[in-house]
Amino acid sequence: MRATVAETPSRDPRLSRFDPLERILYLDDFDAGTQGWTAHIGNYEGSLDTLRPQYADLRPAMLSNLTTWDVGSAGSMQGTYALKLATRPTPGHMAILIKRQTWRALEDLRIESYLAYKPEASELSLGDTDVRALGIGLDLQDEAVRWMPQYRLQIADQGRPAAGSRTQQDSRSGPRGKWQHRRDTSDFAKIGESGATVSHWHLADEGWQDVPGGEQALCYNEIPSKVNWVYVRLDLSLKERRVTRLQCNDLVIDDSPLAYIEVPAMPNLHGMLNLFFWVQTDVAKRSFLYLDSVLVSSGGRS
């Protein structure tokens, strides 16, 4: 990245836990509300019946103070409220949250967030393979190309750990997840009759590929109501259309292995800078994703 982090760490407690580039585009702390984040719904025209099936039941987020039946209200990582996504209790169901923004210049971007994931604490069991996956992605467009970097940590697959197993040898770290990326989306489908609207499903279970070096064991505490916060960072160059870094806590994946979806530029989307997060359940139980805060910064303007 051409842009550099400020030499002196910020004394502002809202910023000191982040490593932003030169210009902060937004810092969302959900103690102040939903901050423009909204449900990721599909395109429609003339009737809601024109929604593609995958978008017909995506759930909106809500503010949460992380109340559970056994410990009461834990609050967010730093404050009272987190933004909470919840799936339905249906295996494979997904909830997606998005903030729709536009970019000011073809420059470097850094996305940083503190988040946590959990299954619903509805059973007196660990539930460490109840969440199938969680992810972070962007939907971007310049004059020539629409491109979508999206990365998921697959934690479980049909009730089994996505990577590794609970053997005696690896029991100290528990089940291991694996970071994945994709290069393809579904075919674009016409929506309505005007010809102005199309839709595609870009988060299907099919088509994901493992990121080299992307296996990771995250902290998952001993009962399902405990919450552990995780740092996630994504760096990219809008000018070069290149993702330069994916980081989750101490796991850092740099540059070349990080793929993305690419299609020709589409009408009405120039300058798009949409950021989204999602969570998916693996079992007949709700899965939750909590966002404590999200910071998006930029630098290195061309």
Protein backbone atom coordinates (compact mmCIF):
# COMPACT_ATOMS: atom_id res chain seq x y z
CA MET A 1 0.00 0.00 0.00
CA ARG A 2 1.32 3.44 -0.86
CA ALA A 3 -0.46 5.21 1.96
CA THR A 4 0.98 4.93 5.44
CA VAL A 5 -0.48 4.85 8.90
CA ALA A 6 0.17 7.92 11.00
CA GLU A 7 3.53 7.69 12.80
CA THR A 8 2.07 8.59 16.19
CA PRO A 9 -0.68 6.28 17.48
CA SER A 10 -3.96 8.07 18.12
CA ARG A 11 -4.78 8.94 21.71
CA ASP A 12 -8.48 8.89 20.83
CA PRO A 13 -9.79 5.62 22.34
CA ARG A 14 -12.23 5.30 19.42
CA LEU A 15 -9.29 5.17 16.98
CA SER A 16 -6.44 3.65 18.95
CA ARG A 17 -7.72 0.10 18.38
CA PHE A 18 -7.56 0.65 14.60
CA ASP A 19 -4.74 1.31 12.11
CA PRO A 20 -6.38 3.69 9.62
CA LEU A 21 -4.91 5.20 6.48
CA GLU A 22 -4.65 8.97 5.96
CA ARG A 23 -8.34 9.82 5.54
CA ILE A 24 -11.19 8.29 7.53
CA LEU A 25 -14.26 7.86 5.36
CA TYR A 26 -16.42 6.66 8.22
CA LEU A 27 -16.12 5.27 11.73
CA ASP A 28 -19.29 3.52 12.82
CA ASP A 29 -19.73 2.73 16.48
CA PHE A 30 -23.15 1.23 16.99
CA ASP A 31 -23.67 2.84 20.36
CA ALA A 32 -24.73 5.77 18.16
CA GLY A 33 -27.31 3.76 16.18
CA THR A 34 -27.36 1.75 12.98
CA GLN A 35 -25.18 4.31 11.14
CA GLY A 36 -26.62 3.71 7.66
CA TRP A 37 -26.23 -0.09 7.66
CA THR A 38 -29.23 -1.89 6.22
CA ALA A 39 -30.53 -5.26 5.09
CA HIS A 40 -29.07 -6.56 1.84
CA ILE A 41 -32.18 -7.23 -0.21
CA GLY A 42 -32.46 -8.31 -3.80
CA ASN A 43 -33.56 -6.28 -6.81
CA TYR A 44 -37.23 -6.18 -7.79
CA GLU A 45 -39.39 -4.39 -10.34
CA GLY A 46 -43.14 -4.00 -10.40
CA SER A 47 -43.75 -6.68 -7.79
CA LEU A 48 -41.89 -8.24 -4.88
CA ASP A 49 -42.57 -11.56 -6.59
CA THR A 50 -39.72 -10.67 -8.97
CA LEU A 51 -37.16 -11.13 -6.17
CA ARG A 52 -34.84 -14.06 -6.73
CA PRO A 53 -35.56 -16.82 -4.17
CA GLN A 54 -32.21 -16.41 -2.40
CA TYR A 55 -33.08 -12.79 -1.51
CA ALA A 56 -36.68 -13.36 -0.48
CA ASP A 57 -36.00 -13.98 3.22
CA LEU A 58 -32.82 -12.14 4.21
CA ARG A 59 -33.15 -10.70 7.70
CA PRO A 60 -32.40 -7.10 8.77
CA ALA A 61 -30.05 -6.29 11.64
CA MET A 62 -30.95 -4.91 15.05
CA LEU A 63 -29.13 -3.15 17.85
CA SER A 64 -28.29 -5.53 20.67
CA ASN A 65 -26.76 -5.25 24.12
CA LEU A 66 -25.87 -8.97 23.97
CA THR A 67 -28.27 -10.23 26.60
CA THR A 68 -28.27 -13.96 27.31
CA TRP A 69 -30.22 -16.06 29.76
CA ASP A 70 -27.29 -16.96 32.04
CA VAL A 71 -25.00 -13.92 32.25
CA GLY A 72 -27.38 -11.03 31.57
CA SER A 73 -26.26 -8.15 29.32
CA ALA A 74 -22.60 -8.18 28.29
CA GLY A 75 -22.76 -5.15 26.00
CA SER A 76 -20.51 -4.66 22.96
CA MET A 77 -16.72 -4.82 22.94
CA GLN A 78 -16.46 -1.13 23.81
CA GLY A 79 -19.85 0.24 24.80
CA THR A 80 -23.42 -0.91 25.15
CA TYR A 81 -24.72 -1.80 21.68
CA ALA A 82 -23.51 -3.93 18.81
CA LEU A 83 -25.24 -4.38 15.47
CA LYS A 84 -26.59 -7.92 15.43
CA LEU A 85 -27.37 -10.14 12.44
CA ALA A 86 -29.47 -13.24 13.05
CA THR A 87 -30.28 -16.07 10.65
CA ARG A 88 -33.43 -18.12 10.77
CA PRO A 89 -33.12 -21.56 12.46
CA THR A 90 -32.84 -23.29 9.09
CA PRO A 91 -29.63 -25.06 7.97
CA GLY A 92 -27.88 -22.93 5.36
CA HIS A 93 -29.93 -19.78 6.04
CA MET A 94 -28.01 -16.51 5.79
CA ALA A 95 -28.30 -12.93 7.05
CA ILE A 96 -26.46 -10.11 5.24
CA LEU A 97 -25.81 -6.50 6.25
CA ILE A 98 -24.67 -3.76 3.86
CA LYS A 99 -23.65 -0.09 3.82
CA ARG A 100 -24.00 1.63 0.44
CA GLN A 101 -21.32 4.23 -0.24
CA THR A 102 -19.48 5.70 -3.23
CA TRP A 103 -15.75 6.29 -3.61
CA ARG A 104 -14.24 9.75 -4.07
CA ALA A 105 -11.12 8.69 -5.97
CA LEU A 106 -9.30 5.61 -7.22
CA GLU A 107 -7.15 5.16 -4.15
CA ASP A 108 -6.18 2.65 -1.50
CA LEU A 109 -8.82 1.50 0.98
CA ARG A 110 -8.61 -0.18 4.36
CA ILE A 111 -11.60 -1.86 6.00
CA GLU A 112 -11.33 -2.66 9.71
CA SER A 113 -13.87 -4.13 12.07
CA TYR A 114 -14.28 -5.78 15.45
CA LEU A 115 -16.89 -8.52 15.32
CA ALA A 116 -18.06 -11.67 17.08
CA TYR A 117 -20.05 -14.71 16.04
CA LYS A 118 -22.15 -17.18 18.02
CA PRO A 119 -24.95 -19.70 17.64
CA GLU A 120 -28.04 -19.03 19.69
CA ALA A 121 -27.49 -20.32 23.24
CA SER A 122 -30.65 -22.42 23.14
CA GLU A 123 -29.00 -25.67 24.22
CA LEU A 124 -26.66 -26.57 27.06
CA SER A 125 -23.92 -27.66 24.67
CA LEU A 126 -20.89 -26.01 23.10
CA GLY A 127 -22.25 -25.52 19.59
CA ASP A 128 -18.84 -24.74 18.11
CA THR A 129 -19.83 -26.16 14.72
CA ASP A 130 -23.32 -24.65 14.58
CA VAL A 131 -22.21 -21.59 12.56
CA ARG A 132 -21.37 -22.56 8.98
CA ALA A 133 -19.60 -19.37 7.91
CA LEU A 134 -19.15 -15.66 8.37
CA GLY A 135 -17.81 -13.25 5.79
CA ILE A 136 -16.82 -9.79 4.60
CA GLY A 137 -17.16 -8.45 1.07
CA LEU A 138 -17.26 -5.39 -1.17
CA ASP A 139 -19.18 -4.52 -4.33
CA LEU A 140 -17.15 -2.01 -6.37
CA GLN A 141 -17.35 -0.43 -9.80
CA ASP A 142 -15.17 1.91 -11.87
CA GLU A 143 -15.59 2.97 -15.50
CA ALA A 144 -14.74 -0.46 -16.92
CA VAL A 145 -15.31 -3.17 -14.32
CA ARG A 146 -17.61 -4.20 -11.50
CA TRP A 147 -15.60 -6.29 -9.05
CA MET A 148 -16.52 -8.04 -5.83
CA PRO A 149 -13.87 -9.15 -3.34
CA GLN A 150 -15.61 -11.41 -0.84
CA TYR A 151 -14.05 -13.71 1.72
CA ARG A 152 -15.65 -16.12 4.14
CA LEU A 153 -14.37 -18.08 7.09
CA GLN A 154 -16.02 -21.47 6.75
CA ILE A 155 -16.29 -22.93 10.24
CA ALA A 156 -18.52 -25.98 9.73
CA ASP A 157 -19.79 -28.19 6.95
CA GLN A 158 -22.80 -30.41 7.66
CA GLY A 159 -22.04 -30.47 11.37
CA ARG A 160 -18.32 -31.17 11.02
CA PRO A 161 -15.37 -28.79 11.38
CA ALA A 162 -14.52 -27.25 8.01
CA ALA A 163 -10.80 -27.88 8.51
CA GLY A 164 -9.16 -30.24 10.99
CA SER A 165 -10.96 -32.32 13.61
CA ARG A 166 -11.35 -32.70 17.34
CA THR A 167 -8.52 -35.19 17.74
CA GLN A 168 -6.36 -35.34 20.82
CA GLN A 169 -3.53 -33.77 18.85
CA ASP A 170 -5.41 -30.58 17.96
CA SER A 171 -7.83 -30.39 20.90
CA ARG A 172 -6.03 -27.36 22.37
CA SER A 173 -7.11 -25.19 19.44
CA GLY A 174 -10.49 -26.82 18.76
CA PRO A 175 -12.03 -27.06 15.28
CA ARG A 176 -10.24 -25.04 12.63
CA GLY A 177 -11.99 -22.88 10.07
CA LYS A 178 -10.66 -21.96 6.65
CA TRP A 179 -10.77 -18.68 4.74
CA GLN A 180 -12.18 -18.96 1.25
CA HIS A 181 -12.63 -16.72 -1.79
CA ARG A 182 -14.41 -16.98 -5.12
CA ARG A 183 -13.92 -15.90 -8.72
CA ASP A 184 -17.41 -16.52 -10.11
CA THR A 185 -20.99 -15.55 -9.39
CA SER A 186 -24.28 -16.94 -10.68
CA ASP A 187 -25.69 -15.91 -14.03
CA PHE A 188 -27.39 -12.52 -14.11
CA ALA A 189 -31.16 -12.80 -14.41
CA LYS A 190 -33.51 -10.21 -15.87
CA ILE A 191 -35.84 -8.62 -13.31
CA GLY A 192 -39.13 -7.14 -14.53
CA GLU A 193 -39.88 -5.97 -18.05
CA SER A 194 -38.07 -2.64 -18.46
CA GLY A 195 -34.63 -4.13 -19.02
CA ALA A 196 -33.13 -1.76 -16.44
CA THR A 197 -32.80 -4.25 -13.59
CA VAL A 198 -30.94 -7.55 -13.24
CA SER A 199 -29.95 -9.68 -10.26
CA HIS A 200 -27.44 -12.37 -9.36
CA TRP A 201 -26.68 -14.51 -6.29
CA HIS A 202 -23.02 -14.18 -5.31
CA LEU A 203 -22.90 -16.01 -1.96
CA ALA A 204 -23.99 -19.52 -2.88
CA ASP A 205 -22.26 -22.39 -1.08
CA GLU A 206 -20.94 -23.62 -4.41
CA GLY A 207 -17.90 -21.98 -5.98
CA TRP A 208 -15.80 -21.15 -2.93
CA GLN A 209 -12.10 -22.06 -3.03
CA ASP A 210 -9.69 -22.27 -0.10
CA VAL A 211 -7.27 -19.35 0.28
CA PRO A 212 -3.70 -20.72 0.51
CA GLY A 213 -2.52 -20.46 4.11
CA GLY A 214 -6.04 -19.59 5.25
CA GLU A 215 -6.68 -22.16 7.98
CA GLN A 216 -7.40 -20.56 11.34
CA ALA A 217 -8.63 -21.49 14.81
CA LEU A 218 -10.45 -18.61 16.47
CA CYS A 219 -11.18 -18.35 20.16
CA TYR A 220 -14.46 -20.09 20.95
CA ASN A 221 -15.12 -20.18 24.67
CA GLU A 222 -16.41 -23.09 26.70
CA ILE A 223 -20.14 -22.33 26.66
CA PRO A 224 -22.31 -20.96 23.83
CA SER A 225 -23.28 -17.72 25.58
CA LYS A 226 -19.71 -16.40 25.89
CA VAL A 227 -18.63 -13.83 23.29
CA ASN A 228 -15.10 -13.27 21.99
CA TRP A 229 -14.34 -10.24 19.78
CA VAL A 230 -12.24 -10.63 16.64
CA TYR A 231 -10.33 -8.07 14.54
CA VAL A 232 -10.80 -8.28 10.77
CA ARG A 233 -9.03 -6.12 8.16
CA LEU A 234 -9.14 -5.92 4.38
CA ASP A 235 -6.79 -3.74 2.26
CA LEU A 236 -7.24 -3.06 -1.44
CA SER A 237 -6.28 -0.74 -4.28
CA LEU A 238 -9.19 0.69 -6.28
CA LYS A 239 -6.84 1.91 -9.01
CA GLU A 240 -5.12 -1.44 -9.51
CA ARG A 241 -8.19 -3.57 -8.73
CA ARG A 242 -6.16 -5.62 -6.32
CA VAL A 243 -6.74 -6.94 -2.82
CA THR A 244 -3.46 -6.62 -0.93
CA ARG A 245 -4.24 -7.97 2.54
CA LEU A 246 -6.76 -10.05 4.45
CA GLN A 247 -6.20 -10.18 8.19
CA CYS A 248 -8.08 -11.85 11.02
CA ASN A 249 -6.37 -11.39 14.38
CA ASP A 250 -2.86 -12.83 13.95
CA LEU A 251 -3.50 -14.47 10.57
CA VAL A 252 -2.29 -12.23 7.71
CA ILE A 253 -2.75 -13.20 4.05
CA ASP A 254 -0.99 -10.87 1.61
CA ASP A 255 -1.63 -10.01 -1.99
CA SER A 256 -1.52 -12.60 -4.77
CA PRO A 257 -3.67 -15.45 -3.40
CA LEU A 258 -6.69 -13.17 -2.90
CA ALA A 259 -9.17 -13.53 -5.77
CA TYR A 260 -12.44 -11.73 -6.54
CA ILE A 261 -15.45 -11.76 -8.87
CA GLU A 262 -15.12 -9.56 -11.96
CA VAL A 263 -17.78 -8.63 -14.54
CA PRO A 264 -18.12 -5.75 -17.04
CA ALA A 265 -19.29 -2.41 -15.63
CA MET A 266 -23.05 -2.09 -15.33
CA PRO A 267 -25.42 0.89 -15.81
CA ASN A 268 -26.12 3.17 -12.83
CA LEU A 269 -23.35 1.75 -10.60
CA HIS A 270 -20.34 4.00 -11.31
CA GLY A 271 -18.34 4.79 -8.16
CA MET A 272 -20.03 2.10 -6.07
CA LEU A 273 -18.35 1.26 -2.75
CA ASN A 274 -20.66 -1.14 -0.93
CA LEU A 275 -19.38 -3.01 2.11
CA PHE A 276 -21.21 -6.05 3.47
CA PHE A 277 -20.94 -8.68 6.20
CA TRP A 278 -22.84 -11.94 6.54
CA VAL A 279 -23.35 -15.00 8.72
CA GLN A 280 -24.74 -18.44 7.85
CA THR A 281 -26.05 -21.17 10.11
CA ASP A 282 -25.18 -24.85 9.62
CA VAL A 283 -27.93 -26.35 11.78
CA ALA A 284 -31.56 -25.82 12.76
CA LYS A 285 -30.56 -23.04 15.14
CA ARG A 286 -30.12 -19.31 14.68
CA SER A 287 -26.58 -18.01 14.21
CA PHE A 288 -25.53 -14.48 15.15
CA LEU A 289 -22.92 -12.01 13.92
CA TYR A 290 -22.21 -8.95 16.07
CA LEU A 291 -20.43 -5.84 14.80
CA ASP A 292 -18.93 -3.66 17.53
CA SER A 293 -17.48 -1.07 15.14
CA VAL A 294 -16.39 -0.59 11.52
CA LEU A 295 -13.77 1.84 10.21
CA VAL A 296 -13.16 2.56 6.52
CA SER A 297 -10.15 4.72 5.59
CA SER A 298 -8.39 5.72 2.39
CA GLY A 299 -5.11 7.15 1.10
CA GLY A 300 -2.63 7.18 -1.77
CA ARG A 301 -4.89 9.13 -4.13
CA SER A 302 -3.78 8.89 -7.75
